[in-house]
């Protein structure tokens, strides 16, 4: 088990990834699936916030998480992200979503996971592409 906030290192070292928010795993799956097709709004927001030092790598999807983070000692009844989530609906405030297996062991705790990302645009692993470009640059000696 490797625990880190450095997502570039997580992507490089890990085969499976679990994303946690306020002590709860909200999404888990293969590193490839999590980094190229995240389905939980927190995972998308987290990955959108990482700065990649290449302006040519344009991000296709971003989620803005606004508002206050709930107190870890007084967590809400429903989804912990509900007060900050742009996809919130009544069910999110009522109860925590069960894990939904969306294929290949990719588990997501979100009622709206099918609506949070456009599948056509969710095919690029920015970390993998950045790694490829960095390796090309380093191999030329520049």
Protein backbone atom coordinates (compact mmCIF):
# COMPACT_ATOMS: atom_id res chain seq x y z
CA UNK A 1 0.00 0.00 0.00
CA UNK A 2 1.30 3.43 -0.98
CA UNK A 3 -0.42 6.55 0.40
CA UNK A 4 0.35 9.91 -1.17
CA UNK A 5 -1.01 13.30 -2.17
CA UNK A 6 1.44 13.41 -5.09
CA UNK A 7 -0.80 12.21 -7.90
CA UNK A 8 2.00 12.06 -10.47
CA UNK A 9 3.85 9.58 -8.26
CA UNK A 10 0.65 7.63 -7.57
CA UNK A 11 0.02 7.32 -11.32
CA UNK A 12 3.59 6.24 -11.99
CA UNK A 13 3.86 3.65 -9.18
CA UNK A 14 0.38 2.23 -8.73
CA UNK A 15 -1.64 -0.40 -10.55
CA UNK A 16 -4.79 0.16 -8.46
CA UNK A 17 -5.85 3.44 -6.89
CA UNK A 18 -8.36 4.40 -4.21
CA UNK A 19 -9.47 8.03 -3.90
CA UNK A 20 -10.53 9.12 -0.41
CA UNK A 21 -12.58 12.10 0.70
CA UNK A 22 -12.94 12.79 4.43
CA UNK A 23 -11.84 9.26 5.33
CA UNK A 24 -14.11 7.42 2.89
CA UNK A 25 -13.07 5.73 -0.33
CA UNK A 26 -15.23 7.41 -2.99
CA UNK A 27 -13.71 5.74 -6.04
CA UNK A 28 -11.32 2.88 -6.69
CA UNK A 29 -10.08 1.00 -9.70
CA UNK A 30 -7.12 0.53 -11.96
CA UNK A 31 -4.77 3.49 -12.18
CA UNK A 32 -5.54 3.70 -15.90
CA UNK A 33 -9.31 3.96 -15.27
CA UNK A 34 -9.05 6.43 -12.39
CA UNK A 35 -6.67 8.76 -14.20
CA UNK A 36 -8.27 8.59 -17.66
CA UNK A 37 -11.95 8.06 -16.77
CA UNK A 38 -12.61 9.28 -13.21
CA UNK A 39 -16.31 9.05 -12.33
CA UNK A 40 -16.63 10.61 -8.88
CA UNK A 41 -16.87 14.42 -8.82
CA UNK A 42 -14.15 14.59 -6.14
CA UNK A 43 -11.77 12.46 -8.24
CA UNK A 44 -12.36 14.70 -11.25
CA UNK A 45 -11.85 17.84 -9.17
CA UNK A 46 -8.72 16.41 -7.61
CA UNK A 47 -7.21 15.46 -10.96
CA UNK A 48 -8.23 18.82 -12.49
CA UNK A 49 -6.32 20.66 -9.78
CA UNK A 50 -2.96 19.07 -10.59
CA UNK A 51 -0.68 21.38 -12.51
CA UNK A 52 1.09 19.70 -15.40
CA UNK A 53 4.10 21.72 -16.58
CA UNK A 54 3.14 21.59 -20.23
CA UNK A 55 0.70 24.18 -21.60
CA UNK A 56 -0.04 21.95 -24.63
CA UNK A 57 -1.82 19.41 -22.43
CA UNK A 58 -5.27 20.93 -22.48
CA UNK A 59 -7.71 19.41 -20.00
CA UNK A 60 -11.03 18.35 -21.44
CA UNK A 61 -13.00 18.11 -18.24
CA UNK A 62 -12.92 19.97 -15.00
CA UNK A 63 -15.19 20.01 -11.98
CA UNK A 64 -15.19 22.98 -9.67
CA UNK A 65 -15.83 22.06 -6.04
CA UNK A 66 -17.11 25.18 -4.29
CA UNK A 67 -18.00 25.77 -0.66
CA UNK A 68 -16.87 24.62 2.75
CA UNK A 69 -15.47 21.18 3.50
CA UNK A 70 -17.63 19.49 6.18
CA UNK A 71 -16.12 19.04 9.62
CA UNK A 72 -14.55 15.58 9.98
CA UNK A 73 -15.97 15.38 13.52
CA UNK A 74 -19.51 16.26 12.40
CA UNK A 75 -19.98 14.61 8.99
CA UNK A 76 -23.28 14.99 7.15
CA UNK A 77 -25.80 12.14 6.92
CA UNK A 78 -25.53 11.68 3.14
CA UNK A 79 -22.65 12.03 0.74
CA UNK A 80 -19.82 13.99 2.35
CA UNK A 81 -19.28 15.94 -0.88
CA UNK A 82 -22.94 16.96 -1.33
CA UNK A 83 -22.46 20.53 -0.02
CA UNK A 84 -19.70 21.15 -2.59
CA UNK A 85 -20.80 19.02 -5.54
CA UNK A 86 -22.14 20.59 -8.77
CA UNK A 87 -24.13 17.39 -9.49
CA UNK A 88 -25.93 17.18 -6.11
CA UNK A 89 -29.50 15.91 -5.97
CA UNK A 90 -31.86 15.21 -3.03
CA UNK A 91 -30.70 11.59 -2.66
CA UNK A 92 -27.13 12.80 -2.03
CA UNK A 93 -28.20 14.62 1.14
CA UNK A 94 -30.37 11.73 2.35
CA UNK A 95 -27.88 8.85 2.31
CA UNK A 96 -24.41 7.78 1.30
CA UNK A 97 -24.44 6.14 -2.14
CA UNK A 98 -23.51 2.46 -2.26
CA UNK A 99 -20.51 1.41 -4.32
CA UNK A 100 -21.46 0.84 -7.94
CA UNK A 101 -19.17 -1.41 -10.00
CA UNK A 102 -19.02 0.22 -13.41
CA UNK A 103 -16.78 -2.49 -14.86
CA UNK A 104 -13.38 -4.09 -14.33
CA UNK A 105 -13.55 -3.55 -10.58
CA UNK A 106 -13.96 0.22 -10.97
CA UNK A 107 -16.11 1.16 -7.96
CA UNK A 108 -17.77 4.55 -7.51
CA UNK A 109 -19.83 5.91 -4.59
CA UNK A 110 -21.94 8.46 -6.49
CA UNK A 111 -25.56 8.55 -7.59
CA UNK A 112 -24.66 10.65 -10.63
CA UNK A 113 -21.48 8.90 -11.79
CA UNK A 114 -22.97 8.36 -15.24
CA UNK A 115 -23.47 12.11 -15.69
CA UNK A 116 -20.24 13.55 -14.32
CA UNK A 117 -18.02 13.05 -17.35
CA UNK A 118 -18.47 12.94 -21.09
CA UNK A 119 -17.25 9.49 -22.19
CA UNK A 120 -16.09 10.76 -25.59
CA UNK A 121 -13.78 13.26 -23.92
CA UNK A 122 -12.68 10.91 -21.13
CA UNK A 123 -10.03 8.98 -22.97
CA UNK A 124 -6.81 10.85 -22.27
CA UNK A 125 -4.63 10.08 -19.28
CA UNK A 126 -2.85 13.44 -18.93
CA UNK A 127 -0.28 12.00 -16.55
CA UNK A 128 0.61 9.23 -19.00
CA UNK A 129 0.86 11.68 -21.89
CA UNK A 130 3.02 14.04 -19.84
CA UNK A 131 5.32 11.13 -18.87
CA UNK A 132 5.69 10.17 -22.55
CA UNK A 133 6.56 13.75 -23.51
CA UNK A 134 9.04 14.06 -20.62
CA UNK A 135 10.76 10.82 -21.65
CA UNK A 136 11.05 12.06 -25.26
CA UNK A 137 12.53 15.33 -24.08
CA UNK A 138 15.01 13.64 -21.75
CA UNK A 139 16.10 11.12 -24.38
CA UNK A 140 17.09 13.93 -26.79
CA UNK A 141 19.32 15.53 -24.18
CA UNK A 142 17.59 18.91 -24.25
